[in-house]
Each structure stands twice: as structure tokens, then as C-alpha cells.
Protein backbone atom coordinates (compact mmCIF):
# COMPACT_ATOMS: atom_id res chain seq x y z
CA MET A 1 1.81 -15.22 12.25
CA THR A 2 3.50 -15.53 8.88
CA THR A 3 5.68 -18.60 8.39
CA VAL A 4 9.39 -18.43 7.65
CA ASP A 5 8.68 -19.46 4.05
CA GLU A 6 6.03 -16.73 3.67
CA ILE A 7 8.44 -14.12 4.99
CA LYS A 8 11.16 -15.28 2.59
CA ALA A 9 8.73 -15.11 -0.33
CA ILE A 10 7.63 -11.57 0.52
CA VAL A 11 11.23 -10.35 0.84
CA ALA A 12 12.25 -12.14 -2.36
CA HIS A 13 9.38 -10.51 -4.27
CA TYR A 14 10.80 -7.04 -3.73
CA ASP A 15 14.44 -8.03 -4.13
CA ASN A 16 13.77 -9.88 -7.39
CA HIS A 17 11.72 -7.08 -8.96
CA ARG A 18 13.55 -4.04 -7.55
CA GLU A 19 15.31 -3.09 -10.79
CA TRP A 20 12.06 -3.16 -12.75
CA HIS A 21 10.14 -1.30 -10.04
CA ASP A 22 12.76 1.45 -9.98
CA LEU A 23 12.69 1.78 -13.76
CA ALA A 24 8.92 1.71 -14.31
CA ARG A 25 7.54 3.18 -11.10
CA GLY A 26 10.32 5.52 -10.04
CA ASN A 27 12.33 5.01 -6.87
CA GLY A 28 10.25 3.99 -3.87
CA ASN A 29 6.81 3.93 -5.49
CA LEU A 30 5.58 0.42 -4.70
CA GLY A 31 1.90 1.34 -4.34
CA ASP A 32 -0.60 2.67 -6.88
CA GLY A 33 -1.49 6.13 -8.14
CA TYR A 34 -4.51 8.44 -8.13
CA TYR A 35 -5.74 9.89 -11.43
CA ASN A 36 -8.34 12.26 -12.88
CA PHE A 37 -11.11 10.82 -15.05
CA SER A 38 -13.53 12.03 -17.69
CA GLY A 39 -16.13 9.73 -19.19
CA GLY A 40 -14.58 6.81 -17.35
CA GLU A 41 -11.14 7.33 -18.89
CA PRO A 42 -8.02 8.70 -17.16
CA THR A 43 -7.10 12.17 -18.39
CA ASN A 44 -3.69 12.73 -16.83
CA LEU A 45 -1.55 9.63 -17.28
CA GLU A 46 1.18 11.95 -18.51
CA ILE A 47 1.88 13.07 -14.93
CA GLY A 48 3.89 9.87 -14.52
CA PHE A 49 3.80 7.20 -11.86
CA PRO A 50 5.71 9.00 -9.04
CA GLU A 51 3.37 12.02 -9.19
CA ALA A 52 0.31 9.76 -9.31
CA CYS A 53 1.57 8.00 -6.19
CA ARG A 54 2.12 11.32 -4.42
CA ARG A 55 -1.47 12.21 -5.34
CA MET A 56 -2.71 8.92 -3.87
CA THR A 57 -0.87 9.60 -0.61
CA HIS A 58 -2.42 13.05 -0.44
CA TYR A 59 -5.90 11.73 -1.27
CA LEU A 60 -5.71 9.06 1.43
CA GLY A 61 -4.31 11.53 3.94
CA VAL A 62 -7.16 13.97 3.33
CA LEU A 63 -9.72 11.17 3.67
CA GLY A 64 -8.09 10.08 6.93
CA GLN A 65 -7.76 13.67 8.18
CA LEU A 66 -4.02 13.54 8.75
CA ALA A 67 -2.67 16.66 10.50
CA ALA A 68 0.52 17.98 12.05
CA ASP A 69 -0.31 16.34 15.39
CA SER A 70 -1.02 12.92 13.85
CA VAL A 71 1.18 9.93 14.73
CA VAL A 72 1.00 7.29 12.00
CA LEU A 73 2.08 3.65 12.05
CA ASP A 74 2.79 2.57 8.45
CA LEU A 75 2.44 -1.22 8.24
CA GLY A 76 4.54 -2.60 5.39
CA CYS A 77 6.12 0.74 4.51
CA GLY A 78 8.15 -0.64 1.59
CA GLU A 79 10.83 1.77 0.39
CA GLY A 80 9.31 4.56 2.46
CA THR A 81 8.05 6.97 -0.18
CA PRO A 82 4.44 7.17 1.12
CA ALA A 83 5.72 7.71 4.68
CA ILE A 84 8.03 10.51 3.55
CA ASN A 85 5.33 12.07 1.36
CA MET A 86 2.68 12.09 4.09
CA ALA A 87 5.17 13.70 6.49
CA LYS A 88 5.95 16.36 3.87
CA GLN A 89 2.32 16.93 2.92
CA PHE A 90 0.73 16.94 6.38
CA GLY A 91 3.59 17.52 8.84
CA CYS A 92 2.71 14.35 10.75
CA GLN A 93 4.99 11.88 12.53
CA VAL A 94 5.36 8.51 10.76
CA VAL A 95 6.75 5.22 12.04
CA GLY A 96 7.30 2.76 9.17
CA VAL A 97 7.87 -0.98 9.59
CA ASP A 98 8.78 -3.51 6.91
CA LEU A 99 10.17 -7.05 6.62
CA SER A 100 12.70 -6.27 3.92
CA LYS A 101 16.14 -5.03 4.93
CA ASN A 102 16.76 -3.81 1.38
CA ASN A 103 13.46 -1.92 1.28
CA LEU A 104 14.46 -0.15 4.47
CA LEU A 105 17.97 0.63 3.25
CA LYS A 106 16.37 2.50 0.35
CA ALA A 107 13.80 4.13 2.62
CA LYS A 108 16.51 5.47 4.91
CA SER A 109 18.54 6.61 1.90
CA PHE A 110 15.55 8.53 0.52
CA LEU A 111 14.95 10.04 3.96
CA THR A 112 18.51 11.40 4.19
CA GLU A 113 17.85 13.30 0.95
CA GLU A 114 14.92 15.14 2.55
CA SER A 115 14.70 17.90 5.14
CA SER A 116 16.05 16.88 8.53
CA THR A 117 12.87 18.30 10.09
CA LEU A 118 10.72 15.43 8.80
CA LYS A 119 9.42 13.26 11.65
CA VAL A 120 9.90 9.85 10.01
CA GLU A 121 11.59 6.70 11.25
CA PHE A 122 11.89 3.19 9.80
CA HIS A 123 12.23 -0.19 11.51
CA GLU A 124 12.88 -3.70 10.23
CA GLN A 125 10.08 -5.67 11.87
CA ASN A 126 7.35 -8.18 11.13
CA PHE A 127 4.18 -6.24 11.89
CA PHE A 128 2.61 -9.39 13.37
CA ASN A 129 5.33 -9.27 16.05
CA LEU A 130 5.96 -5.61 16.75
CA THR A 131 8.24 -4.82 19.68
CA GLU A 132 6.62 -3.36 22.78
CA ASP A 133 8.44 -0.10 22.15
CA LEU A 134 6.64 0.40 18.83
CA LEU A 135 3.32 -1.17 19.76
CA ASN A 136 2.89 0.95 22.89
CA ARG A 137 3.22 4.33 21.18
CA LYS A 138 0.05 6.39 20.95
CA TYR A 139 -0.91 6.18 17.28
CA THR A 140 -3.71 8.34 15.98
CA HIS A 141 -3.60 6.58 12.60
CA VAL A 142 -2.57 3.25 11.10
CA TRP A 143 -1.72 3.26 7.39
CA ALA A 144 -1.67 0.08 5.26
CA GLN A 145 -1.12 0.64 1.55
CA VAL A 146 -1.13 -2.59 -0.52
CA SER A 147 0.76 -4.33 2.28
CA PHE A 148 -1.85 -6.94 3.28
CA PHE A 149 -2.28 -8.57 -0.14
CA HIS A 150 0.87 -10.61 0.51
CA THR A 151 -0.87 -12.31 3.40
CA HIS A 152 -4.60 -12.36 2.72
CA ALA A 153 -4.74 -15.77 4.37
CA HIS A 154 -4.20 -13.89 7.63
CA LEU A 155 -6.32 -10.83 6.78
CA ARG A 156 -8.23 -10.68 10.06
CA LYS A 157 -4.95 -10.86 11.98
CA CYS A 158 -3.56 -8.00 9.86
CA ILE A 159 -6.54 -5.85 10.77
CA ASP A 160 -6.30 -6.89 14.43
CA VAL A 161 -2.72 -5.53 14.42
CA ALA A 162 -4.06 -2.16 13.23
CA ALA A 163 -6.74 -2.20 15.92
CA SER A 164 -4.28 -3.07 18.69
CA ALA A 165 -1.94 -0.23 17.74
CA LEU A 166 -4.56 2.50 17.48
CA GLN A 167 -5.88 4.72 20.23
CA SER A 168 -9.62 4.59 20.83
CA GLY A 169 -11.20 6.74 18.13
CA GLY A 170 -8.10 6.40 15.94
CA THR A 171 -8.28 6.11 12.17
CA PHE A 172 -7.34 3.17 9.98
CA ILE A 173 -6.35 4.16 6.41
CA LEU A 174 -6.34 1.12 4.16
CA VAL A 175 -5.90 0.55 0.44
CA ASP A 176 -5.43 -2.97 -0.86
CA TYR A 177 -6.06 -5.33 -3.74
CA CYS A 178 -9.17 -7.47 -3.56
CA GLY A 179 -10.52 -10.51 -5.35
CA PRO A 180 -12.09 -12.85 -5.98
CA ARG A 181 -8.76 -13.57 -7.73
CA HIS A 182 -5.64 -11.44 -7.74
CA PRO A 183 -1.99 -11.43 -8.78
CA VAL A 184 0.06 -11.91 -5.63
CA PHE A 185 3.81 -11.76 -5.30
CA THR A 186 4.12 -15.18 -6.94
CA ARG A 187 2.18 -13.72 -9.91
CA ASP A 188 -0.24 -16.62 -9.46
CA THR A 189 -3.78 -15.49 -10.32
CA SER A 190 -5.27 -18.75 -9.09
CA LYS A 191 -5.01 -17.73 -5.44
CA SER A 192 -8.17 -16.39 -3.89
CA ALA A 193 -8.60 -13.07 -2.13
CA PRO A 194 -11.48 -11.43 -0.28
CA ASP A 195 -13.83 -9.47 -2.49
CA MET A 196 -14.63 -5.88 -1.59
CA ASN A 197 -17.66 -6.68 0.57
CA GLU A 198 -15.79 -9.41 2.44
CA TYR A 199 -12.91 -7.01 3.04
CA VAL A 200 -15.20 -4.34 4.48
CA GLN A 201 -16.99 -6.87 6.67
CA THR A 202 -13.68 -8.14 8.06
CA VAL A 203 -12.75 -4.58 9.06
CA LYS A 204 -16.12 -4.20 10.81
CA ASP A 205 -15.74 -7.56 12.56
CA ALA A 206 -12.42 -6.37 14.00
CA GLY A 207 -14.22 -3.59 15.87
CA PHE A 208 -13.99 -0.71 13.42
CA ARG A 209 -16.70 1.63 12.22
CA VAL A 210 -16.28 2.03 8.48
CA LEU A 211 -16.48 5.71 7.58
CA LEU A 212 -15.81 5.31 3.86
CA GLN A 213 -15.38 2.53 1.34
CA GLU A 214 -14.42 3.22 -2.25
CA ASP A 215 -13.86 1.05 -5.27
CA ALA A 216 -10.51 2.36 -6.51
CA SER A 217 -10.19 -0.19 -9.32
CA ARG A 218 -10.21 2.45 -12.06
CA HIS A 219 -7.08 3.99 -10.53
CA PHE A 220 -5.53 0.52 -10.34
CA LEU A 221 -6.34 0.01 -14.03
CA ALA A 222 -4.98 3.41 -15.05
CA GLY A 223 -1.68 2.83 -13.25
CA THR A 224 -1.36 -0.68 -14.61
CA SER A 225 -1.97 0.62 -18.13
CA PHE A 226 0.82 3.16 -17.63
CA LEU A 227 3.21 0.42 -16.44
CA ARG A 228 2.23 -1.73 -19.43
CA LYS A 229 3.20 1.17 -21.69
CA ILE A 230 6.63 1.35 -20.05
CA ALA A 231 7.05 -2.42 -20.43
CA GLY A 232 6.28 -2.10 -24.14
CA GLU A 233 8.78 0.70 -24.59
CA GLU A 234 11.43 -1.39 -22.81
CA LYS A 235 10.47 -4.49 -24.85
CA ASN A 236 10.25 -6.45 -21.59
CA ASP A 237 8.20 -9.48 -22.62
CA LEU A 238 7.88 -10.82 -19.06
CA GLU A 239 6.33 -7.59 -17.80
CA ILE A 240 4.25 -7.12 -20.97
CA ASN A 241 2.61 -10.51 -20.43
CA PHE A 242 2.13 -9.84 -16.71
CA TYR A 243 0.47 -6.46 -17.19
CA ASP A 244 -1.67 -7.69 -20.09
CA GLY A 245 -3.02 -10.38 -17.76
CA ARG A 246 -3.56 -7.91 -14.95
CA ILE A 247 -5.38 -5.43 -17.20
CA SER A 248 -7.65 -8.20 -18.46
CA SER A 249 -8.38 -9.36 -14.91
CA ILE A 250 -9.23 -5.84 -13.72
CA LYS A 251 -11.57 -5.29 -16.66
CA GLU A 252 -13.26 -8.63 -15.96
CA ARG A 253 -13.58 -7.61 -12.28
CA LEU A 254 -11.58 -10.62 -11.15
CA ILE A 255 -9.27 -8.29 -9.27
CA GLY A 256 -9.65 -4.75 -7.99
CA MET A 257 -8.56 -2.24 -5.39
CA VAL A 258 -10.46 -1.00 -2.36
CA ILE A 259 -9.99 2.05 -0.13
CA ILE A 260 -11.37 1.84 3.41
CA ILE A 261 -11.30 4.56 6.06
CA ALA A 262 -12.39 3.24 9.44
CA GLN A 263 -12.48 4.39 13.07
CA LYS A 264 -11.57 2.25 16.05
CA GLN A 265 -14.52 2.08 18.43
């Protein structure tokens, strides 16, 4: 579904920013974190980005009712940290797929540092063209954590992939950026994206029953503010300008983050 140029751009995004991601986010944490709030303000930014990301994985897993007998397909697994964390937290089996060879090299490296009893595997594949071997497994859950924003032009197709992989009654766990404008991998805020209501409707149109939808933009803002702090400490002007723009856009509700838990009918 994605063109060769789109695939190259997605891979290049992670390769070009890997050093910064590792420094600011901690190894493998390419998603966003989950924080506590009081009076609308985050109260625990000091936990750091890796712990916030572990908390997000746990929060999503609880919402999606992951369990030891769950079999999860992680679409766009990145460097594998969410897959490893959900296996550690819930005892489930996880199959991660990603376009980036370098992402998967890191994912497999992180996995070797963990207990050999974890039921996690990683595959270099375009999730629009999964091999029959992977597509025909009996998945109880599909997980997509900020992996569709690279290809919002094909959003319905992304969600159709989740539907085709799931068993009847299976659960789709989704967290993604939403519009109407958002910073994509080109850092171009002029590109459009579905707003939260459009996103939810697209999931419904693909044959899912939406069990929960949550505006997670405050968590997105809290994590971005933390990364902006790191950029300031490192005197990284490129990242300072990027995060200042992102913070402004979140506050103006030009961009946000949505969590959707849905059941295949």
C-alpha cells in the first residue's frame, strides 16, 4: 500500500533521529508516556520518559484486557520496548513487525537482555503486506502505538489490516496522533490528519465496535514538555524549536493524541 518513497521516508525518520531518541527518550521508547495529573498539570514528570512509557504500556494493556493467554500482533513495533514490556507485564505472546531493519536490530538486542521465557518475536515486514505465516496466526489482540501517523493517507487500510488479523471478538488497542494538523516524520505541520471524531468513525466503519475512546493529549503534552526540557539542557536548537512548535500546536488543539479500544464484530 505504501510507496517505495514512503517506506524510505519512514525508515529514514528513525535512522536520522536515533541518536537523539536514545538520548532523550531512553533506548527503545519511541511512543509516548502516561502521567498523573492534579488540577490539569502533570505531577510526576520526574519519573522520566522510560518509566512513563512503561506506564502507558501497562495502561493500554489493562484497557485492552491483556492476559497470559493473549496473542498480540504489534503493528509498527519500533525498537520493541512496548512489545517486551507487555510480555513482561501481562505474560502474553507478542509478534512485532516493523519496516526498519535498524529498529529490529535494536529490538532483538533488547530482547536478548531479558528473560529467555518471554514470548516475543520480531519480523522485518511491511504490515500492509504481511506474510501468510504471520497473518494466519490466531491473534486475540492487535496493538498499534503511534505507528499509523506515518501513513494517515492510508488510515482505513491500516485499520483493515488490524481487522483482518484479529479473531472474531478480538481487541484492537490503538493510540495515535490526530489532527487537524500534526508533525509527521518530515516535521511538516502543514500536512492534514484525521481529527479524533474522524479517527473513531474510521475504526467503526472498518467493522469494529468502539469500547473506549480517550483524548490522551494531556499525556502527549506532558511528555513533549519533558523532551523539550532535555533539549534545553543539551542546548540542541533544532529539537528546542521542534518541541516548542509541538507544544504550541498541542495547546492550540491543532494536534493531539487519541486512545481507542475496539472489538472486532
